Amino acid sequence: MAAASQGATEAGGIAIGVLPEEDACSANPYLSVAIPTGMGEMRNAIIARSSLCLVAIGGNMGTISEKALGLKWGKDVFAIFEDVHLPGAKVAECVDQLVDDVVDWLVGQIERWD
C-alpha cells in the first residue's frame, strides 16, 4: 500500500489509509490522511463499503476478503495478478488495461452524476 500511496501523492492526489492498528504509528509516510481503526482485518469491511469501486492487486487473504465484500455489496471490483478469482471481478491482463478499465469506469460514473 505504500507504493500506491506514494504514487497518488506524487501525482498530486490524496492518499487515505484505513489502518488496522489503534494509532497511526505504522502509517506509511505517503499518506495524506491516516485513519487508525483498532479493528484489525475487520477494517476491510469499512474499505469495501466506503469505496466507489475496488482495485485489487494480488491476492492475499485481506485483499480477497475486500473483493468478496465489495462484490457482495454490488461494488465494481477490478483486479490484476490475482491468486484467487472471484466471479464478478473484472480481471486485467496488464497494468495498462487495469488503468484503462478503472478510468473508463470512473468517467462513466462522473457522466451519471452530471
PDB file of N, CA and C in Angstrom:
ATOM      1  N   MET A   1       0.811  -1.192   0.000  1.00  0.00           N
ATOM      2  CA  MET A   1       0.000   0.000   0.000  1.00  0.00           C
ATOM      3  C   MET A   1       0.853   1.253   0.000  1.00  0.00           C
ATOM      4  N   ALA A   2       2.075   1.146   0.486  1.00  0.00           N
ATOM      5  CA  ALA A   2       2.954   2.320   0.489  1.00  0.00           C
ATOM      6  C   ALA A   2       3.223   2.788  -0.936  1.00  0.00           C
ATOM      7  N   ALA A   3       3.423   1.854  -1.856  1.00  0.00           N
ATOM      8  CA  ALA A   3       3.686   2.233  -3.247  1.00  0.00           C
ATOM      9  C   ALA A   3       2.479   2.937  -3.864  1.00  0.00           C
ATOM     10  N   ALA A   4       1.276   2.444  -3.585  1.00  0.00           N
ATOM     11  CA  ALA A   4       0.072   3.095  -4.098  1.00  0.00           C
ATOM     12  C   ALA A   4      -0.080   4.490  -3.500  1.00  0.00           C
ATOM     13  N   SER A   5       0.183   4.612  -2.215  1.00  0.00           N
ATOM     14  CA  SER A   5       0.107   5.919  -1.555  1.00  0.00           C
ATOM     15  C   SER A   5       1.142   6.874  -2.121  1.00  0.00           C
ATOM     16  N   GLN A   6       2.336   6.378  -2.344  1.00  0.00           N
ATOM     17  CA  GLN A   6       3.402   7.208  -2.904  1.00  0.00           C
ATOM     18  C   GLN A   6       3.012   7.695  -4.300  1.00  0.00           C
ATOM     19  N   GLY A   7       2.511   6.801  -5.131  1.00  0.00           N
ATOM     20  CA  GLY A   7       2.107   7.185  -6.477  1.00  0.00           C
ATOM     21  C   GLY A   7       1.014   8.229  -6.474  1.00  0.00           C
ATOM     22  N   ALA A   8       0.015   8.038  -5.615  1.00  0.00           N
ATOM     23  CA  ALA A   8      -1.081   9.006  -5.537  1.00  0.00           C
ATOM     24  C   ALA A   8      -0.580  10.368  -5.076  1.00  0.00           C
ATOM     25  N   THR A   9       0.238  10.378  -4.056  1.00  0.00           N
ATOM     26  CA  THR A   9       0.752  11.633  -3.500  1.00  0.00           C
ATOM     27  C   THR A   9       1.656  12.347  -4.497  1.00  0.00           C
ATOM     28  N   GLU A  10       2.545  11.603  -5.128  1.00  0.00           N
ATOM     29  CA  GLU A  10       3.464  12.219  -6.089  1.00  0.00           C
ATOM     30  C   GLU A  10       2.749  12.729  -7.334  1.00  0.00           C
ATOM     31  N   ALA A  11       1.584  12.177  -7.640  1.00  0.00           N
ATOM     32  CA  ALA A  11       0.799  12.644  -8.781  1.00  0.00           C
ATOM     33  C   ALA A  11      -0.101  13.820  -8.404  1.00  0.00           C
ATOM     34  N   GLY A  12       0.009  14.273  -7.151  1.00  0.00           N
ATOM     35  CA  GLY A  12      -0.792  15.412  -6.701  1.00  0.00           C
ATOM     36  C   GLY A  12      -2.117  15.038  -6.077  1.00  0.00           C
ATOM     37  N   GLY A  13      -2.316  13.751  -5.835  1.00  0.00           N
ATOM     38  CA  GLY A  13      -3.569  13.295  -5.251  1.00  0.00           C
ATOM     39  C   GLY A  13      -3.503  13.197  -3.738  1.00  0.00           C
ATOM     40  N   ILE A  14      -4.542  12.638  -3.185  1.00  0.00           N
ATOM     41  CA  ILE A  14      -4.659  12.433  -1.745  1.00  0.00           C
ATOM     42  C   ILE A  14      -4.654  10.934  -1.491  1.00  0.00           C
ATOM     43  N   ALA A  15      -3.874  10.503  -0.528  1.00  0.00           N
ATOM     44  CA  ALA A  15      -3.812   9.088  -0.159  1.00  0.00           C
ATOM     45  C   ALA A  15      -4.384   8.933   1.247  1.00  0.00           C
ATOM     46  N   ILE A  16      -5.461   8.166   1.353  1.00  0.00           N
ATOM     47  CA  ILE A  16      -6.119   7.929   2.637  1.00  0.00           C
ATOM     48  C   ILE A  16      -5.877   6.479   3.032  1.00  0.00           C
ATOM     49  N   GLY A  17      -5.382   6.277   4.242  1.00  0.00           N
ATOM     50  CA  GLY A  17      -5.125   4.930   4.729  1.00  0.00           C
ATOM     51  C   GLY A  17      -6.055   4.582   5.875  1.00  0.00           C
ATOM     52  N   VAL A  18      -6.823   3.509   5.719  1.00  0.00           N
ATOM     53  CA  VAL A  18      -7.675   2.988   6.786  1.00  0.00           C
ATOM     54  C   VAL A  18      -6.865   1.872   7.437  1.00  0.00           C
ATOM     55  N   LEU A  19      -6.336   2.169   8.615  1.00  0.00           N
ATOM     56  CA  LEU A  19      -5.342   1.301   9.246  1.00  0.00           C
ATOM     57  C   LEU A  19      -5.971   0.308  10.221  1.00  0.00           C
ATOM     58  N   PRO A  20      -5.403  -0.890  10.327  1.00  0.00           N
ATOM     59  CA  PRO A  20      -5.925  -1.872  11.269  1.00  0.00           C
ATOM     60  C   PRO A  20      -5.539  -1.571  12.718  1.00  0.00           C
ATOM     61  N   GLU A  21      -4.470  -0.797  12.908  1.00  0.00           N
ATOM     62  CA  GLU A  21      -3.959  -0.535  14.253  1.00  0.00           C
ATOM     63  C   GLU A  21      -4.769   0.559  14.972  1.00  0.00           C
ATOM     64  N   GLU A  22      -4.495   0.693  16.275  1.00  0.00           N
ATOM     65  CA  GLU A  22      -5.189   1.694  17.099  1.00  0.00           C
ATOM     66  C   GLU A  22      -4.585   3.087  16.988  1.00  0.00           C
ATOM     67  N   ASP A  23      -3.395   3.195  16.402  1.00  0.00           N
ATOM     68  CA  ASP A  23      -2.775   4.506  16.234  1.00  0.00           C
ATOM     69  C   ASP A  23      -2.120   4.563  14.857  1.00  0.00           C
ATOM     70  N   ALA A  24      -1.629   5.730  14.504  1.00  0.00           N
ATOM     71  CA  ALA A  24      -1.065   5.926  13.170  1.00  0.00           C
ATOM     72  C   ALA A  24       0.448   5.730  13.120  1.00  0.00           C
ATOM     73  N   CYS A  25       1.030   5.163  14.165  1.00  0.00           N
ATOM     74  CA  CYS A  25       2.488   4.991  14.223  1.00  0.00           C
ATOM     75  C   CYS A  25       3.042   4.193  13.049  1.00  0.00           C
ATOM     76  N   SER A  26       2.305   3.217  12.572  1.00  0.00           N
ATOM     77  CA  SER A  26       2.803   2.372  11.490  1.00  0.00           C
ATOM     78  C   SER A  26       2.339   2.841  10.109  1.00  0.00           C
ATOM     79  N   ALA A  27       1.693   3.992  10.050  1.00  0.00           N
ATOM     80  CA  ALA A  27       1.228   4.511   8.764  1.00  0.00           C
ATOM     81  C   ALA A  27       2.416   4.810   7.859  1.00  0.00           C
ATOM     82  N   ASN A  28       2.242   4.569   6.569  1.00  0.00           N
ATOM     83  CA  ASN A  28       3.351   4.864   5.661  1.00  0.00           C
ATOM     84  C   ASN A  28       3.467   6.382   5.483  1.00  0.00           C
ATOM     85  N   PRO A  29       4.657   6.865   5.165  1.00  0.00           N
ATOM     86  CA  PRO A  29       4.894   8.315   5.134  1.00  0.00           C
ATOM     87  C   PRO A  29       4.210   9.042   3.980  1.00  0.00           C
ATOM     88  N   TYR A  30       3.614   8.318   3.048  1.00  0.00           N
ATOM     89  CA  TYR A  30       2.990   8.948   1.892  1.00  0.00           C
ATOM     90  C   TYR A  30       1.499   9.215   2.080  1.00  0.00           C
ATOM     91  N   LEU A  31       0.947   8.799   3.205  1.00  0.00           N
ATOM     92  CA  LEU A  31      -0.479   9.036   3.440  1.00  0.00           C
ATOM     93  C   LEU A  31      -0.746  10.517   3.697  1.00  0.00           C
ATOM     94  N   SER A  32      -1.784  11.022   3.080  1.00  0.00           N
ATOM     95  CA  SER A  32      -2.263  12.378   3.374  1.00  0.00           C
ATOM     96  C   SER A  32      -3.104  12.342   4.644  1.00  0.00           C
ATOM     97  N   VAL A  33      -3.874  11.283   4.800  1.00  0.00           N
ATOM     98  CA  VAL A  33      -4.744  11.094   5.959  1.00  0.00           C
ATOM     99  C   VAL A  33      -4.612   9.642   6.416  1.00  0.00           C
ATOM    100  N   ALA A  34      -4.340   9.435   7.685  1.00  0.00           N
ATOM    101  CA  ALA A  34      -4.294   8.095   8.268  1.00  0.00           C
ATOM    102  C   ALA A  34      -5.471   7.955   9.231  1.00  0.00           C
ATOM    103  N   ILE A  35      -6.242   6.899   9.065  1.00  0.00           N
ATOM    104  CA  ILE A  35      -7.403   6.653   9.923  1.00  0.00           C
ATOM    105  C   ILE A  35      -7.169   5.343  10.674  1.00  0.00           C
ATOM    106  N   PRO A  36      -6.642   5.418  11.897  1.00  0.00           N
ATOM    107  CA  PRO A  36      -6.456   4.198  12.682  1.00  0.00           C
ATOM    108  C   PRO A  36      -7.808   3.716  13.215  1.00  0.00           C
ATOM    109  N   THR A  37      -8.101   2.441  13.015  1.00  0.00           N
ATOM    110  CA  THR A  37      -9.407   1.919  13.436  1.00  0.00           C
ATOM    111  C   THR A  37      -9.340   1.038  14.676  1.00  0.00           C
ATOM    112  N   GLY A  38      -8.196   0.399  14.917  1.00  0.00           N
ATOM    113  CA  GLY A  38      -8.111  -0.557  16.012  1.00  0.00           C
ATOM    114  C   GLY A  38      -8.943  -1.801  15.759  1.00  0.00           C
ATOM    115  N   MET A  39      -9.334  -2.032  14.514  1.00  0.00           N
ATOM    116  CA  MET A  39     -10.240  -3.122  14.179  1.00  0.00           C
ATOM    117  C   MET A  39      -9.552  -4.309  13.512  1.00  0.00           C
ATOM    118  N   GLY A  40      -8.249  -4.244  13.318  1.00  0.00           N
ATOM    119  CA  GLY A  40      -7.578  -5.333  12.623  1.00  0.00           C
ATOM    120  C   GLY A  40      -8.147  -5.521  11.230  1.00  0.00           C
ATOM    121  N   GLU A  41      -8.289  -6.778  10.822  1.00  0.00           N
ATOM    122  CA  GLU A  41      -8.781  -7.063   9.486  1.00  0.00           C
ATOM    123  C   GLU A  41     -10.244  -6.697   9.290  1.00  0.00           C
ATOM    124  N   MET A  42     -10.965  -6.444  10.354  1.00  0.00           N
ATOM    125  CA  MET A  42     -12.368  -6.054  10.207  1.00  0.00           C
ATOM    126  C   MET A  42     -12.493  -4.719   9.490  1.00  0.00           C
ATOM    127  N   ARG A  43     -11.385  -3.976   9.414  1.00  0.00           N
ATOM    128  CA  ARG A  43     -11.418  -2.721   8.695  1.00  0.00           C
ATOM    129  C   ARG A  43     -11.621  -2.935   7.204  1.00  0.00           C
ATOM    130  N   ASN A  44     -11.427  -4.171   6.733  1.00  0.00           N
ATOM    131  CA  ASN A  44     -11.667  -4.474   5.322  1.00  0.00           C
ATOM    132  C   ASN A  44     -13.115  -4.182   4.930  1.00  0.00           C
ATOM    133  N   ALA A  45     -14.031  -4.381   5.853  1.00  0.00           N
ATOM    134  CA  ALA A  45     -15.439  -4.071   5.576  1.00  0.00           C
ATOM    135  C   ALA A  45     -15.635  -2.570   5.389  1.00  0.00           C
ATOM    136  N   ILE A  46     -14.942  -1.758   6.160  1.00  0.00           N
ATOM    137  CA  ILE A  46     -15.030  -0.302   6.003  1.00  0.00           C
ATOM    138  C   ILE A  46     -14.499   0.094   4.630  1.00  0.00           C
ATOM    139  N   ILE A  47     -13.376  -0.489   4.254  1.00  0.00           N
ATOM    140  CA  ILE A  47     -12.791  -0.178   2.950  1.00  0.00           C
ATOM    141  C   ILE A  47     -13.752  -0.563   1.828  1.00  0.00           C
ATOM    142  N   ALA A  48     -14.283  -1.763   1.872  1.00  0.00           N
ATOM    143  CA  ALA A  48     -15.174  -2.227   0.814  1.00  0.00           C
ATOM    144  C   ALA A  48     -16.468  -1.426   0.777  1.00  0.00           C
ATOM    145  N   ARG A  49     -17.026  -1.129   1.918  1.00  0.00           N
ATOM    146  CA  ARG A  49     -18.312  -0.424   1.969  1.00  0.00           C
ATOM    147  C   ARG A  49     -18.182   1.036   1.538  1.00  0.00           C
ATOM    148  N   SER A  50     -17.078   1.682   1.875  1.00  0.00           N
ATOM    149  CA  SER A  50     -16.955   3.120   1.627  1.00  0.00           C
ATOM    150  C   SER A  50     -16.361   3.454   0.258  1.00  0.00           C
ATOM    151  N   SER A  51     -15.931   2.475  -0.488  1.00  0.00           N
ATOM    152  CA  SER A  51     -15.294   2.714  -1.783  1.00  0.00           C
ATOM    153  C   SER A  51     -16.326   2.831  -2.894  1.00  0.00           C
ATOM    154  N   LEU A  52     -16.000   3.681  -3.881  1.00  0.00           N
ATOM    155  CA  LEU A  52     -16.828   3.722  -5.089  1.00  0.00           C
ATOM    156  C   LEU A  52     -16.667   2.429  -5.863  1.00  0.00           C
ATOM    157  N   CYS A  53     -15.424   1.988  -5.979  1.00  0.00           N
ATOM    158  CA  CYS A  53     -15.087   0.705  -6.592  1.00  0.00           C
ATOM    159  C   CYS A  53     -13.831   0.211  -5.886  1.00  0.00           C
ATOM    160  N   LEU A  54     -13.444  -1.004  -6.165  1.00  0.00           N
ATOM    161  CA  LEU A  54     -12.247  -1.570  -5.542  1.00  0.00           C
ATOM    162  C   LEU A  54     -11.262  -1.985  -6.622  1.00  0.00           C
ATOM    163  N   VAL A  55      -9.998  -1.687  -6.377  1.00  0.00           N
ATOM    164  CA  VAL A  55      -8.919  -2.107  -7.264  1.00  0.00           C
ATOM    165  C   VAL A  55      -8.021  -3.022  -6.446  1.00  0.00           C
ATOM    166  N   ALA A  56      -7.950  -4.276  -6.844  1.00  0.00           N
ATOM    167  CA  ALA A  56      -7.208  -5.284  -6.084  1.00  0.00           C
ATOM    168  C   ALA A  56      -5.973  -5.724  -6.863  1.00  0.00           C
ATOM    169  N   ILE A  57      -4.833  -5.673  -6.190  1.00  0.00           N
ATOM    170  CA  ILE A  57      -3.577  -6.111  -6.792  1.00  0.00           C
ATOM    171  C   ILE A  57      -3.062  -7.285  -5.966  1.00  0.00           C
ATOM    172  N   GLY A  58      -2.956  -8.436  -6.596  1.00  0.00           N
ATOM    173  CA  GLY A  58      -2.514  -9.615  -5.869  1.00  0.00           C
ATOM    174  C   GLY A  58      -3.691 -10.324  -5.227  1.00  0.00           C
ATOM    175  N   GLY A  59      -3.362 -11.191  -4.289  1.00  0.00           N
ATOM    176  CA  GLY A  59      -4.440 -11.987  -3.734  1.00  0.00           C
ATOM    177  C   GLY A  59      -4.202 -12.484  -2.331  1.00  0.00           C
ATOM    178  N   ASN A  60      -3.664 -11.647  -1.458  1.00  0.00           N
ATOM    179  CA  ASN A  60      -3.563 -12.063  -0.058  1.00  0.00           C
ATOM    180  C   ASN A  60      -4.958 -12.165   0.533  1.00  0.00           C
ATOM    181  N   MET A  61      -5.066 -12.775   1.679  1.00  0.00           N
ATOM    182  CA  MET A  61      -6.377 -13.025   2.282  1.00  0.00           C
ATOM    183  C   MET A  61      -7.164 -11.739   2.526  1.00  0.00           C
ATOM    184  N   GLY A  62      -6.483 -10.685   2.963  1.00  0.00           N
ATOM    185  CA  GLY A  62      -7.172  -9.413   3.179  1.00  0.00           C
ATOM    186  C   GLY A  62      -7.735  -8.849   1.890  1.00  0.00           C
ATOM    187  N   THR A  63      -6.961  -8.949   0.833  1.00  0.00           N
ATOM    188  CA  THR A  63      -7.417  -8.473  -0.476  1.00  0.00           C
ATOM    189  C   THR A  63      -8.614  -9.287  -0.954  1.00  0.00           C
ATOM    190  N   ILE A  64      -8.547 -10.594  -0.768  1.00  0.00           N
ATOM    191  CA  ILE A  64      -9.659 -11.454  -1.182  1.00  0.00           C
ATOM    192  C   ILE A  64     -10.916 -11.108  -0.398  1.00  0.00           C
ATOM    193  N   SER A  65     -10.776 -10.853   0.901  1.00  0.00           N
ATOM    194  CA  SER A  65     -11.965 -10.520   1.698  1.00  0.00           C
ATOM    195  C   SER A  65     -12.551  -9.183   1.268  1.00  0.00           C
ATOM    196  N   GLU A  66     -11.697  -8.207   0.949  1.00  0.00           N
ATOM    197  CA  GLU A  66     -12.201  -6.908   0.467  1.00  0.00           C
ATOM    198  C   GLU A  66     -12.931  -7.078  -0.861  1.00  0.00           C
ATOM    199  N   LYS A  67     -12.364  -7.879  -1.764  1.00  0.00           N
ATOM    200  CA  LYS A  67     -13.018  -8.133  -3.047  1.00  0.00           C
ATOM    201  C   LYS A  67     -14.371  -8.804  -2.842  1.00  0.00           C
ATOM    202  N   ALA A  68     -14.403  -9.819  -1.988  1.00  0.00           N
ATOM    203  CA  ALA A  68     -15.649 -10.558  -1.757  1.00  0.00           C
ATOM    204  C   ALA A  68     -16.725  -9.652  -1.164  1.00  0.00           C
ATOM    205  N   LEU A  69     -16.354  -8.849  -0.194  1.00  0.00           N
ATOM    206  CA  LEU A  69     -17.335  -7.935   0.398  1.00  0.00           C
ATOM    207  C   LEU A  69     -17.815  -6.911  -0.621  1.00  0.00           C
ATOM    208  N   GLY A  70     -16.878  -6.371  -1.398  1.00  0.00           N
ATOM    209  CA  GLY A  70     -17.267  -5.402  -2.422  1.00  0.00           C
ATOM    210  C   GLY A  70     -18.249  -6.006  -3.417  1.00  0.00           C
ATOM    211  N   LEU A  71     -17.955  -7.201  -3.891  1.00  0.00           N
ATOM    212  CA  LEU A  71     -18.864  -7.859  -4.828  1.00  0.00           C
ATOM    213  C   LEU A  71     -20.215  -8.132  -4.180  1.00  0.00           C
ATOM    214  N   LYS A  72     -20.205  -8.570  -2.935  1.00  0.00           N
ATOM    215  CA  LYS A  72     -21.464  -8.839  -2.227  1.00  0.00           C
ATOM    216  C   LYS A  72     -22.329  -7.589  -2.156  1.00  0.00           C
ATOM    217  N   TRP A  73     -21.688  -6.431  -1.989  1.00  0.00           N
ATOM    218  CA  TRP A  73     -22.412  -5.162  -1.852  1.00  0.00           C
ATOM    219  C   TRP A  73     -22.612  -4.445  -3.169  1.00  0.00           C
ATOM    220  N   GLY A  74     -22.365  -5.146  -4.283  1.00  0.00           N
ATOM    221  CA  GLY A  74     -22.643  -4.580  -5.594  1.00  0.00           C
ATOM    222  C   GLY A  74     -21.613  -3.592  -6.106  1.00  0.00           C
ATOM    223  N   LYS A  75     -20.428  -3.610  -5.546  1.00  0.00           N
ATOM    224  CA  LYS A  75     -19.363  -2.713  -5.999  1.00  0.00           C
ATOM    225  C   LYS A  75     -18.669  -3.321  -7.217  1.00  0.00           C
ATOM    226  N   ASP A  76     -18.178  -2.456  -8.095  1.00  0.00           N
ATOM    227  CA  ASP A  76     -17.340  -2.935  -9.186  1.00  0.00           C
ATOM    228  C   ASP A  76     -15.957  -3.220  -8.619  1.00  0.00           C
ATOM    229  N   VAL A  77     -15.412  -4.381  -8.971  1.00  0.00           N
ATOM    230  CA  VAL A  77     -14.095  -4.805  -8.479  1.00  0.00           C
ATOM    231  C   VAL A  77     -13.202  -5.064  -9.681  1.00  0.00           C
ATOM    232  N   PHE A  78     -12.064  -4.374  -9.708  1.00  0.00           N
ATOM    233  CA  PHE A  78     -11.071  -4.522 -10.759  1.00  0.00           C
ATOM    234  C   PHE A  78      -9.853  -5.204 -10.146  1.00  0.00           C
ATOM    235  N   ALA A  79      -9.291  -6.177 -10.853  1.00  0.00           N
ATOM    236  CA  ALA A  79      -8.206  -6.960 -10.266  1.00  0.00           C
ATOM    237  C   ALA A  79      -7.097  -7.212 -11.282  1.00  0.00           C
ATOM    238  N   ILE A  80      -5.912  -7.431 -10.745  1.00  0.00           N
ATOM    239  CA  ILE A  80      -4.757  -7.830 -11.540  1.00  0.00           C
ATOM    240  C   ILE A  80      -3.857  -8.688 -10.655  1.00  0.00           C
ATOM    241  N   PHE A  81      -3.158  -9.620 -11.276  1.00  0.00           N
ATOM    242  CA  PHE A  81      -2.242 -10.517 -10.573  1.00  0.00           C
ATOM    243  C   PHE A  81      -2.937 -11.257  -9.430  1.00  0.00           C
ATOM    244  N   GLU A  82      -4.182 -11.655  -9.640  1.00  0.00           N
ATOM    245  CA  GLU A  82      -4.914 -12.311  -8.560  1.00  0.00           C
ATOM    246  C   GLU A  82      -4.552 -13.782  -8.459  1.00  0.00           C
ATOM    247  N   ASP A  83      -4.535 -14.268  -7.235  1.00  0.00           N
ATOM    248  CA  ASP A  83      -4.285 -15.685  -6.981  1.00  0.00           C
ATOM    249  C   ASP A  83      -5.582 -16.479  -6.989  1.00  0.00           C
ATOM    250  N   VAL A  84      -6.646 -15.837  -6.527  1.00  0.00           N
ATOM    251  CA  VAL A  84      -7.956 -16.470  -6.456  1.00  0.00           C
ATOM    252  C   VAL A  84      -8.946 -15.566  -7.183  1.00  0.00           C
ATOM    253  N   HIS A  85      -9.627 -16.131  -8.192  1.00  0.00           N
ATOM    254  CA  HIS A  85     -10.610 -15.334  -8.927  1.00  0.00           C
ATOM    255  C   HIS A  85     -11.971 -15.437  -8.263  1.00  0.00           C
ATOM    256  N   LEU A  86     -12.599 -14.304  -8.067  1.00  0.00           N
ATOM    257  CA  LEU A  86     -13.961 -14.266  -7.554  1.00  0.00           C
ATOM    258  C   LEU A  86     -14.883 -13.872  -8.703  1.00  0.00           C
ATOM    259  N   PRO A  87     -15.942 -14.638  -8.934  1.00  0.00           N
ATOM    260  CA  PRO A  87     -16.863 -14.317 -10.025  1.00  0.00           C
ATOM    261  C   PRO A  87     -17.406 -12.896  -9.874  1.00  0.00           C
ATOM    262  N   GLY A  88     -17.351 -12.163 -10.962  1.00  0.00           N
ATOM    263  CA  GLY A  88     -17.832 -10.786 -10.956  1.00  0.00           C
ATOM    264  C   GLY A  88     -16.707  -9.767 -10.975  1.00  0.00           C
ATOM    265  N   ALA A  89     -15.524 -10.166 -10.562  1.00  0.00           N
ATOM    266  CA  ALA A  89     -14.379  -9.253 -10.617  1.00  0.00           C
ATOM    267  C   ALA A  89     -13.917  -9.124 -12.056  1.00  0.00           C
ATOM    268  N   LYS A  90     -13.541  -7.919 -12.434  1.00  0.00           N
ATOM    269  CA  LYS A  90     -13.037  -7.657 -13.782  1.00  0.00           C
ATOM    270  C   LYS A  90     -11.516  -7.759 -13.735  1.00  0.00           C
ATOM    271  N   VAL A  91     -10.962  -8.767 -14.386  1.00  0.00           N
ATOM    272  CA  VAL A  91      -9.535  -9.047 -14.304  1.00  0.00           C
ATOM    273  C   VAL A  91      -8.809  -8.480 -15.513  1.00  0.00           C
ATOM    274  N   ALA A  92      -7.776  -7.701 -15.253  1.00  0.00           N
ATOM    275  CA  ALA A  92      -6.948  -7.137 -16.314  1.00  0.00           C
ATOM    276  C   ALA A  92      -5.733  -8.022 -16.538  1.00  0.00           C
ATOM    277  N   GLU A  93      -5.271  -8.055 -17.770  1.00  0.00           N
ATOM    278  CA  GLU A  93      -4.091  -8.842 -18.119  1.00  0.00           C
ATOM    279  C   GLU A  93      -2.791  -8.074 -17.883  1.00  0.00           C
ATOM    280  N   CYS A  94      -2.882  -6.728 -17.867  1.00  0.00           N
ATOM    281  CA  CYS A  94      -1.685  -5.905 -17.667  1.00  0.00           C
ATOM    282  C   CYS A  94      -2.087  -4.608 -16.969  1.00  0.00           C
ATOM    283  N   VAL A  95      -1.100  -3.884 -16.495  1.00  0.00           N
ATOM    284  CA  VAL A  95      -1.355  -2.653 -15.752  1.00  0.00           C
ATOM    285  C   VAL A  95      -2.077  -1.629 -16.626  1.00  0.00           C
ATOM    286  N   ASP A  96      -1.652  -1.490 -17.881  1.00  0.00           N
ATOM    287  CA  ASP A  96      -2.308  -0.515 -18.767  1.00  0.00           C
ATOM    288  C   ASP A  96      -3.789  -0.815 -18.924  1.00  0.00           C
ATOM    289  N   GLN A  97      -4.139  -2.074 -19.060  1.00  0.00           N
ATOM    290  CA  GLN A  97      -5.551  -2.448 -19.182  1.00  0.00           C
ATOM    291  C   GLN A  97      -6.297  -2.132 -17.890  1.00  0.00           C
ATOM    292  N   LEU A  98      -5.676  -2.415 -16.756  1.00  0.00           N
ATOM    293  CA  LEU A  98      -6.308  -2.120 -15.472  1.00  0.00           C
ATOM    294  C   LEU A  98      -6.595  -0.630 -15.348  1.00  0.00           C
ATOM    295  N   VAL A  99      -5.608   0.186 -15.649  1.00  0.00           N
ATOM    296  CA  VAL A  99      -5.790   1.634 -15.561  1.00  0.00           C
ATOM    297  C   VAL A  99      -6.890   2.091 -16.519  1.00  0.00           C
ATOM    298  N   ASP A 100      -6.868   1.594 -17.754  1.00  0.00           N
ATOM    299  CA  ASP A 100      -7.906   1.962 -18.721  1.00  0.00           C
ATOM    300  C   ASP A 100      -9.290   1.564 -18.230  1.00  0.00           C
ATOM    301  N   ASP A 101      -9.420   0.361 -17.694  1.00  0.00           N
ATOM    302  CA  ASP A 101     -10.722  -0.114 -17.199  1.00  0.00           C
ATOM    303  C   ASP A 101     -11.239   0.763 -16.060  1.00  0.00           C
ATOM    304  N   VAL A 102     -10.360   1.091 -15.127  1.00  0.00           N
ATOM    305  CA  VAL A 102     -10.784   1.900 -13.972  1.00  0.00           C
ATOM    306  C   VAL A 102     -11.115   3.330 -14.406  1.00  0.00           C
ATOM    307  N   VAL A 103     -10.283   3.907 -15.271  1.00  0.00           N
ATOM    308  CA  VAL A 103     -10.555   5.267 -15.750  1.00  0.00           C
ATOM    309  C   VAL A 103     -11.873   5.297 -16.517  1.00  0.00           C
ATOM    310  N   ASP A 104     -12.105   4.332 -17.386  1.00  0.00           N
ATOM    311  CA  ASP A 104     -13.375   4.276 -18.120  1.00  0.00           C
ATOM    312  C   ASP A 104     -14.550   4.188 -17.165  1.00  0.00           C
ATOM    313  N   TRP A 105     -14.423   3.371 -16.144  1.00  0.00           N
ATOM    314  CA  TRP A 105     -15.495   3.228 -15.154  1.00  0.00           C
ATOM    315  C   TRP A 105     -15.737   4.552 -14.428  1.00  0.00           C
ATOM    316  N   LEU A 106     -14.655   5.203 -13.998  1.00  0.00           N
ATOM    317  CA  LEU A 106     -14.784   6.471 -13.280  1.00  0.00           C
ATOM    318  C   LEU A 106     -15.415   7.554 -14.153  1.00  0.00           C
ATOM    319  N   VAL A 107     -15.009   7.630 -15.405  1.00  0.00           N
ATOM    320  CA  VAL A 107     -15.607   8.608 -16.325  1.00  0.00           C
ATOM    321  C   VAL A 107     -17.097   8.331 -16.468  1.00  0.00           C
ATOM    322  N   GLY A 108     -17.475   7.067 -16.580  1.00  0.00           N
ATOM    323  CA  GLY A 108     -18.881   6.708 -16.655  1.00  0.00           C
ATOM    324  C   GLY A 108     -19.659   7.147 -15.418  1.00  0.00           C
ATOM    325  N   GLN A 109     -19.032   7.040 -14.249  1.00  0.00           N
ATOM    326  CA  GLN A 109     -19.679   7.480 -13.010  1.00  0.00           C
ATOM    327  C   GLN A 109     -19.871   8.989 -13.008  1.00  0.00           C
ATOM    328  N   ILE A 110     -18.853   9.718 -13.443  1.00  0.00           N
ATOM    329  CA  ILE A 110     -18.940  11.179 -13.488  1.00  0.00           C
ATOM    330  C   ILE A 110     -20.061  11.608 -14.439  1.00  0.00           C
ATOM    331  N   GLU A 111     -20.149  10.937 -15.567  1.00  0.00           N
ATOM    332  CA  GLU A 111     -21.197  11.272 -16.528  1.00  0.00           C
ATOM    333  C   GLU A 111     -22.588  11.032 -15.936  1.00  0.00           C
ATOM    334  N   ARG A 112     -22.724  10.021 -15.109  1.00  0.00           N
ATOM    335  CA  ARG A 112     -24.024   9.751 -14.457  1.00  0.00           C
ATOM    336  C   ARG A 112     -24.364  10.822 -13.431  1.00  0.00           C
ATOM    337  N   TRP A 113     -23.348  11.389 -12.782  1.00  0.00           N
ATOM    338  CA  TRP A 113     -23.584  12.407 -11.756  1.00  0.00           C
ATOM    339  C   TRP A 113     -24.002  13.745 -12.357  1.00  0.00           C
ATOM    340  N   ASP A 114     -23.620  13.979 -13.632  1.00  0.00           N
ATOM    341  CA  ASP A 114     -23.938  15.276 -14.271  1.00  0.00           C
ATOM    342  C   ASP A 114     -25.384  15.406 -14.636  1.00  0.00           C
TER     343      ASP A 114
END
